[in-house]
Protein backbone atom coordinates (compact mmCIF):
# COMPACT_ATOMS: atom_id res chain seq x y z
CA ARG A 1 -18.62 46.24 -38.30
CA GLN A 2 -16.93 48.88 -39.45
CA GLU A 3 -14.11 48.51 -42.13
CA PHE A 4 -11.64 50.95 -40.29
CA SER A 5 -11.29 51.16 -36.82
CA MET A 6 -10.26 54.10 -35.08
CA GLN A 7 -6.41 55.00 -34.43
CA MET A 8 -3.77 56.84 -32.81
CA THR A 9 -0.14 57.10 -32.63
CA THR A 10 1.68 58.01 -28.73
CA ALA A 11 5.36 58.38 -28.31
CA LEU A 12 4.94 56.99 -25.06
CA LEU A 13 2.09 54.04 -22.94
CA ILE A 14 2.26 55.33 -19.84
CA ALA A 15 1.46 51.79 -17.67
CA ASN A 16 1.18 51.05 -13.80
CA PRO A 17 0.51 47.68 -12.94
CA CYS A 18 -0.07 48.62 -9.39
CA ASP A 19 -0.29 52.47 -8.14
CA ASP A 20 0.13 52.04 -4.44
CA GLU A 21 -1.40 55.67 -4.17
CA GLU A 22 -4.51 55.08 -6.42
CA ASP A 23 -5.03 51.53 -3.95
CA ASN A 24 -3.44 49.52 -6.18
CA MET A 25 -4.49 50.77 -9.71
CA ALA A 26 -3.78 49.77 -12.79
CA MET A 27 -3.35 51.78 -15.79
CA LEU A 28 -2.52 52.18 -19.28
CA CYS A 29 -2.68 55.93 -20.37
CA CYS A 30 -1.22 57.46 -23.94
CA HIS A 31 -2.02 60.50 -25.47
CA SER A 32 -1.85 60.44 -29.23
CA GLU A 33 0.04 63.15 -31.40
CA GLN A 34 -2.95 65.48 -31.82
CA GLY A 35 -3.71 65.82 -28.36
CA GLU A 36 -6.67 63.08 -27.36
CA MET A 37 -6.46 60.62 -24.55
CA PHE A 38 -6.73 57.32 -23.94
CA LEU A 39 -7.24 56.11 -20.33
CA MET A 40 -7.71 51.83 -19.18
CA SER A 41 -8.02 51.46 -15.62
CA ARG A 42 -9.41 48.97 -13.30
CA TYR A 43 -8.69 48.41 -8.62
CA PRO A 44 -8.24 44.65 -8.11
CA ASP A 45 -11.44 44.44 -6.01
CA GLU A 46 -14.04 45.30 -8.80
CA ASP A 47 -14.93 43.53 -12.06
CA GLU A 48 -15.11 46.33 -14.54
CA LEU A 49 -12.72 48.49 -15.72
CA GLU A 50 -12.68 51.70 -17.05
CA ILE A 51 -12.03 53.79 -20.33
CA THR A 52 -11.83 56.89 -20.99
CA PHE A 53 -10.74 57.88 -24.24
CA GLY A 54 -10.90 61.16 -26.15
CA ASP A 55 -13.33 64.18 -24.56
CA VAL A 56 -15.34 62.16 -22.35
CA ASP A 57 -16.03 63.48 -18.59
CA GLU A 58 -16.85 60.37 -17.31
CA PRO A 59 -15.18 57.07 -17.75
CA SER A 60 -17.41 54.12 -19.37
CA VAL A 61 -17.04 51.49 -17.41
CA LEU A 62 -16.59 47.80 -19.84
CA GLU A 63 -15.83 44.20 -19.11
CA GLY A 64 -14.84 41.72 -22.00
CA VAL A 65 -12.03 43.45 -23.07
CA LYS A 66 -9.75 42.33 -25.87
CA ALA A 67 -6.08 44.03 -25.50
CA THR A 68 -3.24 42.90 -28.30
CA LEU A 69 -0.11 44.03 -27.25
CA SER A 70 2.12 43.52 -30.01
CA PRO A 71 6.17 45.56 -30.23
CA THR A 72 4.52 48.70 -32.21
CA ARG A 73 0.96 48.43 -31.59
CA LEU A 74 -2.03 47.83 -29.09
CA LEU A 75 -5.18 47.16 -29.73
CA ILE A 76 -8.05 47.61 -28.03
CA GLU A 77 -11.16 45.85 -28.72
CA VAL A 78 -14.71 46.44 -26.93
CA SER A 79 -18.22 44.68 -27.83
CA ALA A 80 -20.51 46.52 -30.43
CA ASN A 81 -22.75 47.66 -27.25
CA ASP A 82 -19.56 49.09 -25.42
CA ALA A 83 -18.72 50.75 -28.40
CA ASP A 84 -19.53 54.62 -27.51
CA ALA A 85 -16.37 54.06 -25.54
CA LEU A 86 -14.03 54.50 -28.20
CA ASN A 87 -16.42 57.11 -30.24
CA GLY A 88 -19.10 54.30 -31.79
CA HIS A 89 -16.24 52.22 -32.53
CA ASP A 90 -15.96 48.45 -31.55
CA ASP A 91 -11.54 48.75 -31.42
CA LEU A 92 -8.55 51.18 -31.24
CA GLU A 93 -5.33 50.74 -32.61
CA ILE A 94 -2.71 52.59 -30.91
CA PHE A 95 0.40 52.21 -32.82
CA HIS A 96 3.37 53.04 -30.32
CA CYS A 97 6.86 52.90 -29.71
CA ALA A 98 7.70 51.25 -26.66
CA ASP A 99 10.97 49.70 -26.21
CA ALA A 100 11.52 46.25 -25.00
CA ASP A 101 11.30 47.33 -21.26
CA GLU A 102 8.21 49.66 -21.03
CA ARG A 103 7.02 46.43 -22.68
CA ALA A 104 7.65 43.96 -19.99
CA GLU A 105 5.77 46.84 -18.14
CA ILE A 106 3.17 47.51 -20.34
CA GLU A 107 2.07 43.68 -20.44
CA HIS A 108 1.56 43.17 -17.02
CA THR A 109 -0.26 46.36 -16.41
CA LEU A 110 -2.77 45.14 -19.40
CA GLN A 111 -2.58 42.01 -17.34
CA ASN A 112 -3.79 43.26 -14.06
CA ILE A 113 -6.55 45.36 -15.22
CA LEU A 114 -8.37 42.47 -17.55
CA LYS A 115 -7.27 39.58 -15.52
CA GLY A 116 -10.55 37.93 -15.04
CA THR A 117 -13.02 40.37 -16.74
CA GLY A 118 -11.00 40.39 -20.05
CA THR A 119 -8.33 39.16 -22.71
CA TYR A 120 -5.36 39.67 -22.88
CA VAL A 121 -3.13 38.13 -25.90
CA SER A 122 0.77 39.15 -26.29
CA GLU A 123 2.41 39.36 -29.87
CA LEU A 124 5.36 40.50 -28.29
CA GLY A 125 7.31 36.81 -29.63
């Protein structure tokens, strides 16, 4: 296991628990201060979720993703087999400054994305 996780800082986590225009897809997206993009999404009728990170054109299709949400951090963990989805790392720490209302929306979105295929852990207190 690598000592350092991949990290990014974002001003805004964009969360949509159920996008009517995209066949009810749940989507969480953010851009780092350096312009890197992280996108995690899942359609309600699919067993896998997709992660797009960095400069990758094609999303990675994953199962068993773990997401831990705290008031200032979102930790995404993938299996070692899926590390290519996160540029060779098995976790990604996203530091954010979402307020309580935004965090509720983010939490709802993560629950929708991970339901039945991954693990959601709340550290919101």
